[in-house]
Amino acid sequence: MFNNESERKSFDVQLLLSDGRALDGTLLLPMSSDIKRALSGDSPLLEFRRSDGRESMIAKAAIVEILIPQNAASAVAA
């Protein structure tokens, strides 16, 4: 929807939002980025693909917590 799929990394996560919702899906980040860099970057939005396949932009200010599945956590830390 937003960028060419081959130019992005994907991280399966659950986002906990300030309004109490929990969204399961995938963060879509540039190949040169990781979750920490994306969160500290200038853009106020993150690309997100929900578990039902819909893509959207999520305001970083609305994110309270990002839960990363245990098996994916080691890949994110690398």
PDB file of N, CA and C in Angstrom:
ATOM      1  N   MET A   1       0.811  -1.197   0.000  1.00  0.00           N
ATOM      2  CA  MET A   1       0.000   0.000   0.000  1.00  0.00           C
ATOM      3  C   MET A   1       0.857   1.264   0.000  1.00  0.00           C
ATOM      4  N   PHE A   2       1.886   1.305   0.868  1.00  0.00           N
ATOM      5  CA  PHE A   2       2.653   2.526   1.002  1.00  0.00           C
ATOM      6  C   PHE A   2       3.966   2.476   0.229  1.00  0.00           C
ATOM      7  N   ASN A   3       4.755   1.440   0.448  1.00  0.00           N
ATOM      8  CA  ASN A   3       6.056   1.303  -0.203  1.00  0.00           C
ATOM      9  C   ASN A   3       6.156  -0.069  -0.844  1.00  0.00           C
ATOM     10  N   ASN A   4       7.175  -0.229  -1.640  1.00  0.00           N
ATOM     11  CA  ASN A   4       7.442  -1.530  -2.230  1.00  0.00           C
ATOM     12  C   ASN A   4       7.793  -2.516  -1.128  1.00  0.00           C
ATOM     13  N   GLU A   5       7.120  -3.650  -1.088  1.00  0.00           N
ATOM     14  CA  GLU A   5       7.312  -4.654  -0.043  1.00  0.00           C
ATOM     15  C   GLU A   5       8.762  -5.088   0.083  1.00  0.00           C
ATOM     16  N   SER A   6       9.492  -5.172  -1.021  1.00  0.00           N
ATOM     17  CA  SER A   6      10.872  -5.640  -0.977  1.00  0.00           C
ATOM     18  C   SER A   6      11.811  -4.614  -0.343  1.00  0.00           C
ATOM     19  N   GLU A   7      11.363  -3.399  -0.149  1.00  0.00           N
ATOM     20  CA  GLU A   7      12.191  -2.350   0.431  1.00  0.00           C
ATOM     21  C   GLU A   7      11.921  -2.148   1.913  1.00  0.00           C
ATOM     22  N   ARG A   8      11.215  -3.097   2.544  1.00  0.00           N
ATOM     23  CA  ARG A   8      10.850  -2.939   3.944  1.00  0.00           C
ATOM     24  C   ARG A   8      11.178  -4.192   4.743  1.00  0.00           C
ATOM     25  N   LYS A   9      11.490  -3.993   6.025  1.00  0.00           N
ATOM     26  CA  LYS A   9      11.607  -5.090   6.983  1.00  0.00           C
ATOM     27  C   LYS A   9      10.269  -5.193   7.686  1.00  0.00           C
ATOM     28  N   SER A  10       9.955  -6.376   8.159  1.00  0.00           N
ATOM     29  CA  SER A  10       8.700  -6.540   8.897  1.00  0.00           C
ATOM     30  C   SER A  10       8.978  -7.186  10.248  1.00  0.00           C
ATOM     31  N   PHE A  11       8.274  -6.699  11.262  1.00  0.00           N
ATOM     32  CA  PHE A  11       8.398  -7.205  12.623  1.00  0.00           C
ATOM     33  C   PHE A  11       7.003  -7.489  13.158  1.00  0.00           C
ATOM     34  N   ASP A  12       6.720  -8.751  13.485  1.00  0.00           N
ATOM     35  CA  ASP A  12       5.435  -9.109  14.078  1.00  0.00           C
ATOM     36  C   ASP A  12       5.404  -8.593  15.513  1.00  0.00           C
ATOM     37  N   VAL A  13       4.346  -7.849  15.842  1.00  0.00           N
ATOM     38  CA  VAL A  13       4.239  -7.224  17.160  1.00  0.00           C
ATOM     39  C   VAL A  13       2.779  -7.163  17.594  1.00  0.00           C
ATOM     40  N   GLN A  14       2.596  -6.813  18.849  1.00  0.00           N
ATOM     41  CA  GLN A  14       1.292  -6.387  19.345  1.00  0.00           C
ATOM     42  C   GLN A  14       1.496  -4.982  19.884  1.00  0.00           C
ATOM     43  N   LEU A  15       0.717  -4.023  19.385  1.00  0.00           N
ATOM     44  CA  LEU A  15       0.789  -2.646  19.858  1.00  0.00           C
ATOM     45  C   LEU A  15      -0.279  -2.421  20.907  1.00  0.00           C
ATOM     46  N   LEU A  16       0.111  -1.881  22.043  1.00  0.00           N
ATOM     47  CA  LEU A  16      -0.844  -1.460  23.056  1.00  0.00           C
ATOM     48  C   LEU A  16      -0.952   0.051  22.943  1.00  0.00           C
ATOM     49  N   LEU A  17      -2.170   0.536  22.700  1.00  0.00           N
ATOM     50  CA  LEU A  17      -2.390   1.948  22.426  1.00  0.00           C
ATOM     51  C   LEU A  17      -2.946   2.677  23.642  1.00  0.00           C
ATOM     52  N   SER A  18      -2.783   3.983  23.652  1.00  0.00           N
ATOM     53  CA  SER A  18      -3.202   4.803  24.786  1.00  0.00           C
ATOM     54  C   SER A  18      -4.711   4.770  25.026  1.00  0.00           C
ATOM     55  N   ASP A  19      -5.499   4.397  24.027  1.00  0.00           N
ATOM     56  CA  ASP A  19      -6.951   4.305  24.213  1.00  0.00           C
ATOM     57  C   ASP A  19      -7.380   2.928  24.722  1.00  0.00           C
ATOM     58  N   GLY A  20      -6.406   2.054  25.020  1.00  0.00           N
ATOM     59  CA  GLY A  20      -6.709   0.739  25.577  1.00  0.00           C
ATOM     60  C   GLY A  20      -6.771  -0.384  24.565  1.00  0.00           C
ATOM     61  N   ARG A  21      -6.743  -0.062  23.276  1.00  0.00           N
ATOM     62  CA  ARG A  21      -6.791  -1.117  22.261  1.00  0.00           C
ATOM     63  C   ARG A  21      -5.460  -1.840  22.160  1.00  0.00           C
ATOM     64  N   ALA A  22      -5.543  -3.109  21.771  1.00  0.00           N
ATOM     65  CA  ALA A  22      -4.354  -3.908  21.448  1.00  0.00           C
ATOM     66  C   ALA A  22      -4.494  -4.333  19.998  1.00  0.00           C
ATOM     67  N   LEU A  23      -3.485  -4.016  19.188  1.00  0.00           N
ATOM     68  CA  LEU A  23      -3.510  -4.355  17.769  1.00  0.00           C
ATOM     69  C   LEU A  23      -2.414  -5.364  17.466  1.00  0.00           C
ATOM     70  N   ASP A  24      -2.803  -6.497  16.904  1.00  0.00           N
ATOM     71  CA  ASP A  24      -1.834  -7.498  16.456  1.00  0.00           C
ATOM     72  C   ASP A  24      -1.540  -7.250  14.990  1.00  0.00           C
ATOM     73  N   GLY A  25      -0.266  -7.350  14.632  1.00  0.00           N
ATOM     74  CA  GLY A  25       0.090  -7.166  13.243  1.00  0.00           C
ATOM     75  C   GLY A  25       1.584  -7.064  13.052  1.00  0.00           C
ATOM     76  N   THR A  26       1.969  -6.325  12.015  1.00  0.00           N
ATOM     77  CA  THR A  26       3.361  -6.247  11.604  1.00  0.00           C
ATOM     78  C   THR A  26       3.767  -4.800  11.399  1.00  0.00           C
ATOM     79  N   LEU A  27       4.849  -4.393  12.058  1.00  0.00           N
ATOM     80  CA  LEU A  27       5.443  -3.094  11.770  1.00  0.00           C
ATOM     81  C   LEU A  27       6.232  -3.222  10.478  1.00  0.00           C
ATOM     82  N   LEU A  28       6.080  -2.259   9.587  1.00  0.00           N
ATOM     83  CA  LEU A  28       6.770  -2.247   8.300  1.00  0.00           C
ATOM     84  C   LEU A  28       7.758  -1.091   8.316  1.00  0.00           C
ATOM     85  N   LEU A  29       9.044  -1.430   8.317  1.00  0.00           N
ATOM     86  CA  LEU A  29      10.090  -0.420   8.462  1.00  0.00           C
ATOM     87  C   LEU A  29      11.025  -0.437   7.258  1.00  0.00           C
ATOM     88  N   PRO A  30      11.680   0.695   6.982  1.00  0.00           N
ATOM     89  CA  PRO A  30      12.678   0.714   5.915  1.00  0.00           C
ATOM     90  C   PRO A  30      13.783  -0.310   6.182  1.00  0.00           C
ATOM     91  N   MET A  31      14.394  -0.822   5.138  1.00  0.00           N
ATOM     92  CA  MET A  31      15.453  -1.826   5.285  1.00  0.00           C
ATOM     93  C   MET A  31      16.607  -1.313   6.141  1.00  0.00           C
ATOM     94  N   SER A  32      16.841  -0.036   6.148  1.00  0.00           N
ATOM     95  CA  SER A  32      17.958   0.536   6.896  1.00  0.00           C
ATOM     96  C   SER A  32      17.610   0.840   8.346  1.00  0.00           C
ATOM     97  N   SER A  33      16.414   0.448   8.805  1.00  0.00           N
ATOM     98  CA  SER A  33      15.963   0.810  10.134  1.00  0.00           C
ATOM     99  C   SER A  33      15.677  -0.425  10.983  1.00  0.00           C
ATOM    100  N   ASP A  34      15.439  -0.187  12.260  1.00  0.00           N
ATOM    101  CA  ASP A  34      14.951  -1.209  13.178  1.00  0.00           C
ATOM    102  C   ASP A  34      13.912  -0.529  14.068  1.00  0.00           C
ATOM    103  N   ILE A  35      13.314  -1.262  14.988  1.00  0.00           N
ATOM    104  CA  ILE A  35      12.232  -0.696  15.792  1.00  0.00           C
ATOM    105  C   ILE A  35      12.717   0.497  16.612  1.00  0.00           C
ATOM    106  N   LYS A  36      13.862   0.377  17.246  1.00  0.00           N
ATOM    107  CA  LYS A  36      14.369   1.486  18.071  1.00  0.00           C
ATOM    108  C   LYS A  36      14.619   2.738  17.238  1.00  0.00           C
ATOM    109  N   ARG A  37      15.230   2.585  16.088  1.00  0.00           N
ATOM    110  CA  ARG A  37      15.491   3.745  15.218  1.00  0.00           C
ATOM    111  C   ARG A  37      14.191   4.368  14.721  1.00  0.00           C
ATOM    112  N   ALA A  38      13.238   3.518  14.347  1.00  0.00           N
ATOM    113  CA  ALA A  38      11.956   4.027  13.850  1.00  0.00           C
ATOM    114  C   ALA A  38      11.224   4.822  14.930  1.00  0.00           C
ATOM    115  N   LEU A  39      11.270   4.337  16.164  1.00  0.00           N
ATOM    116  CA  LEU A  39      10.589   5.037  17.248  1.00  0.00           C
ATOM    117  C   LEU A  39      11.252   6.360  17.592  1.00  0.00           C
ATOM    118  N   SER A  40      12.570   6.433  17.454  1.00  0.00           N
ATOM    119  CA  SER A  40      13.270   7.664  17.803  1.00  0.00           C
ATOM    120  C   SER A  40      13.419   8.618  16.620  1.00  0.00           C
ATOM    121  N   GLY A  41      12.991   8.205  15.438  1.00  0.00           N
ATOM    122  CA  GLY A  41      13.100   9.040  14.247  1.00  0.00           C
ATOM    123  C   GLY A  41      12.134  10.208  14.236  1.00  0.00           C
ATOM    124  N   ASP A  42      12.287  11.069  13.241  1.00  0.00           N
ATOM    125  CA  ASP A  42      11.498  12.300  13.141  1.00  0.00           C
ATOM    126  C   ASP A  42      10.039  12.086  12.766  1.00  0.00           C
ATOM    127  N   SER A  43       9.737  11.040  12.021  1.00  0.00           N
ATOM    128  CA  SER A  43       8.364  10.825  11.565  1.00  0.00           C
ATOM    129  C   SER A  43       7.445  10.523  12.751  1.00  0.00           C
ATOM    130  N   PRO A  44       6.274  11.157  12.800  1.00  0.00           N
ATOM    131  CA  PRO A  44       5.336  10.885  13.894  1.00  0.00           C
ATOM    132  C   PRO A  44       4.517   9.607  13.679  1.00  0.00           C
ATOM    133  N   LEU A  45       4.692   8.952  12.533  1.00  0.00           N
ATOM    134  CA  LEU A  45       3.871   7.794  12.180  1.00  0.00           C
ATOM    135  C   LEU A  45       4.723   6.561  11.893  1.00  0.00           C
ATOM    136  N   LEU A  46       4.116   5.388  12.094  1.00  0.00           N
ATOM    137  CA  LEU A  46       4.718   4.115  11.730  1.00  0.00           C
ATOM    138  C   LEU A  46       3.768   3.381  10.794  1.00  0.00           C
ATOM    139  N   GLU A  47       4.330   2.691   9.797  1.00  0.00           N
ATOM    140  CA  GLU A  47       3.508   1.853   8.928  1.00  0.00           C
ATOM    141  C   GLU A  47       3.206   0.549   9.662  1.00  0.00           C
ATOM    142  N   PHE A  48       1.957   0.111   9.583  1.00  0.00           N
ATOM    143  CA  PHE A  48       1.518  -1.061  10.323  1.00  0.00           C
ATOM    144  C   PHE A  48       0.542  -1.872   9.477  1.00  0.00           C
ATOM    145  N   ARG A  49       0.760  -3.189   9.400  1.00  0.00           N
ATOM    146  CA  ARG A  49      -0.179  -4.084   8.723  1.00  0.00           C
ATOM    147  C   ARG A  49      -0.890  -4.894   9.805  1.00  0.00           C
ATOM    148  N   ARG A  50      -2.196  -4.713   9.891  1.00  0.00           N
ATOM    149  CA  ARG A  50      -2.990  -5.442  10.885  1.00  0.00           C
ATOM    150  C   ARG A  50      -3.061  -6.915  10.525  1.00  0.00           C
ATOM    151  N   SER A  51      -3.414  -7.727  11.497  1.00  0.00           N
ATOM    152  CA  SER A  51      -3.469  -9.173  11.275  1.00  0.00           C
ATOM    153  C   SER A  51      -4.494  -9.552  10.210  1.00  0.00           C
ATOM    154  N   ASP A  52      -5.469  -8.670   9.916  1.00  0.00           N
ATOM    155  CA  ASP A  52      -6.453  -8.954   8.869  1.00  0.00           C
ATOM    156  C   ASP A  52      -5.972  -8.494   7.485  1.00  0.00           C
ATOM    157  N   GLY A  53      -4.736  -7.959   7.421  1.00  0.00           N
ATOM    158  CA  GLY A  53      -4.150  -7.562   6.142  1.00  0.00           C
ATOM    159  C   GLY A  53      -4.261  -6.088   5.810  1.00  0.00           C
ATOM    160  N   ARG A  54      -5.101  -5.347   6.531  1.00  0.00           N
ATOM    161  CA  ARG A  54      -5.229  -3.909   6.255  1.00  0.00           C
ATOM    162  C   ARG A  54      -3.957  -3.184   6.687  1.00  0.00           C
ATOM    163  N   GLU A  55      -3.522  -2.224   5.870  1.00  0.00           N
ATOM    164  CA  GLU A  55      -2.363  -1.422   6.219  1.00  0.00           C
ATOM    165  C   GLU A  55      -2.822  -0.046   6.654  1.00  0.00           C
ATOM    166  N   SER A  56      -2.117   0.490   7.639  1.00  0.00           N
ATOM    167  CA  SER A  56      -2.467   1.806   8.156  1.00  0.00           C
ATOM    168  C   SER A  56      -1.223   2.486   8.699  1.00  0.00           C
ATOM    169  N   MET A  57      -1.395   3.723   9.079  1.00  0.00           N
ATOM    170  CA  MET A  57      -0.344   4.488   9.736  1.00  0.00           C
ATOM    171  C   MET A  57      -0.776   4.656  11.192  1.00  0.00           C
ATOM    172  N   ILE A  58       0.142   4.385  12.106  1.00  0.00           N
ATOM    173  CA  ILE A  58      -0.138   4.492  13.540  1.00  0.00           C
ATOM    174  C   ILE A  58       0.700   5.641  14.093  1.00  0.00           C
ATOM    175  N   ALA A  59       0.077   6.533  14.855  1.00  0.00           N
ATOM    176  CA  ALA A  59       0.810   7.631  15.490  1.00  0.00           C
ATOM    177  C   ALA A  59       1.678   7.075  16.609  1.00  0.00           C
ATOM    178  N   LYS A  60       2.972   7.386  16.562  1.00  0.00           N
ATOM    179  CA  LYS A  60       3.878   6.908  17.607  1.00  0.00           C
ATOM    180  C   LYS A  60       3.423   7.399  18.978  1.00  0.00           C
ATOM    181  N   ALA A  61       2.847   8.596  19.047  1.00  0.00           N
ATOM    182  CA  ALA A  61       2.403   9.161  20.316  1.00  0.00           C
ATOM    183  C   ALA A  61       1.276   8.348  20.951  1.00  0.00           C
ATOM    184  N   ALA A  62       0.570   7.546  20.146  1.00  0.00           N
ATOM    185  CA  ALA A  62      -0.538   6.737  20.659  1.00  0.00           C
ATOM    186  C   ALA A  62      -0.088   5.380  21.191  1.00  0.00           C
ATOM    187  N   ILE A  63       1.184   5.027  20.964  1.00  0.00           N
ATOM    188  CA  ILE A  63       1.685   3.714  21.371  1.00  0.00           C
ATOM    189  C   ILE A  63       2.196   3.781  22.801  1.00  0.00           C
ATOM    190  N   VAL A  64       1.642   2.903  23.651  1.00  0.00           N
ATOM    191  CA  VAL A  64       2.065   2.812  25.042  1.00  0.00           C
ATOM    192  C   VAL A  64       3.145   1.753  25.189  1.00  0.00           C
ATOM    193  N   GLU A  65       2.971   0.635  24.470  1.00  0.00           N
ATOM    194  CA  GLU A  65       3.913  -0.476  24.572  1.00  0.00           C
ATOM    195  C   GLU A  65       3.902  -1.275  23.275  1.00  0.00           C
ATOM    196  N   ILE A  66       5.059  -1.826  22.932  1.00  0.00           N
ATOM    197  CA  ILE A  66       5.172  -2.730  21.793  1.00  0.00           C
ATOM    198  C   ILE A  66       5.619  -4.075  22.331  1.00  0.00           C
ATOM    199  N   LEU A  67       4.769  -5.083  22.173  1.00  0.00           N
ATOM    200  CA  LEU A  67       5.097  -6.432  22.602  1.00  0.00           C
ATOM    201  C   LEU A  67       5.620  -7.204  21.408  1.00  0.00           C
ATOM    202  N   ILE A  68       6.805  -7.799  21.581  1.00  0.00           N
ATOM    203  CA  ILE A  68       7.455  -8.555  20.521  1.00  0.00           C
ATOM    204  C   ILE A  68       7.443 -10.021  20.928  1.00  0.00           C
ATOM    205  N   PRO A  69       6.940 -10.911  20.064  1.00  0.00           N
ATOM    206  CA  PRO A  69       6.945 -12.343  20.408  1.00  0.00           C
ATOM    207  C   PRO A  69       8.351 -12.799  20.797  1.00  0.00           C
ATOM    208  N   GLN A  70       8.439 -13.693  21.757  1.00  0.00           N
ATOM    209  CA  GLN A  70       9.725 -14.152  22.274  1.00  0.00           C
ATOM    210  C   GLN A  70      10.674 -14.623  21.189  1.00  0.00           C
ATOM    211  N   ASN A  71      10.169 -15.403  20.227  1.00  0.00           N
ATOM    212  CA  ASN A  71      11.036 -15.924  19.179  1.00  0.00           C
ATOM    213  C   ASN A  71      11.522 -14.848  18.226  1.00  0.00           C
ATOM    214  N   ALA A  72      10.859 -13.695  18.182  1.00  0.00           N
ATOM    215  CA  ALA A  72      11.277 -12.615  17.305  1.00  0.00           C
ATOM    216  C   ALA A  72      12.154 -11.607  18.041  1.00  0.00           C
ATOM    217  N   ALA A  73      12.149 -11.630  19.363  1.00  0.00           N
ATOM    218  CA  ALA A  73      12.882 -10.639  20.132  1.00  0.00           C
ATOM    219  C   ALA A  73      14.376 -10.681  19.862  1.00  0.00           C
ATOM    220  N   SER A  74      14.928 -11.849  19.673  1.00  0.00           N
ATOM    221  CA  SER A  74      16.369 -11.953  19.414  1.00  0.00           C
ATOM    222  C   SER A  74      16.735 -11.333  18.071  1.00  0.00           C
ATOM    223  N   ALA A  75      15.859 -11.429  17.091  1.00  0.00           N
ATOM    224  CA  ALA A  75      16.118 -10.833  15.779  1.00  0.00           C
ATOM    225  C   ALA A  75      16.072  -9.310  15.856  1.00  0.00           C
ATOM    226  N   VAL A  76      15.181  -8.777  16.686  1.00  0.00           N
ATOM    227  CA  VAL A  76      15.065  -7.335  16.834  1.00  0.00           C
ATOM    228  C   VAL A  76      16.289  -6.771  17.546  1.00  0.00           C
ATOM    229  N   ALA A  77      16.801  -7.503  18.520  1.00  0.00           N
ATOM    230  CA  ALA A  77      17.957  -7.045  19.291  1.00  0.00           C
ATOM    231  C   ALA A  77      19.243  -7.045  18.473  1.00  0.00           C
ATOM    232  N   ALA A  78      19.281  -7.837  17.424  1.00  0.00           N
ATOM    233  CA  ALA A  78      20.520  -7.967  16.621  1.00  0.00           C
ATOM    234  C   ALA A  78      20.807  -6.745  15.796  1.00  0.00           C
TER     235      ALA A  78
END
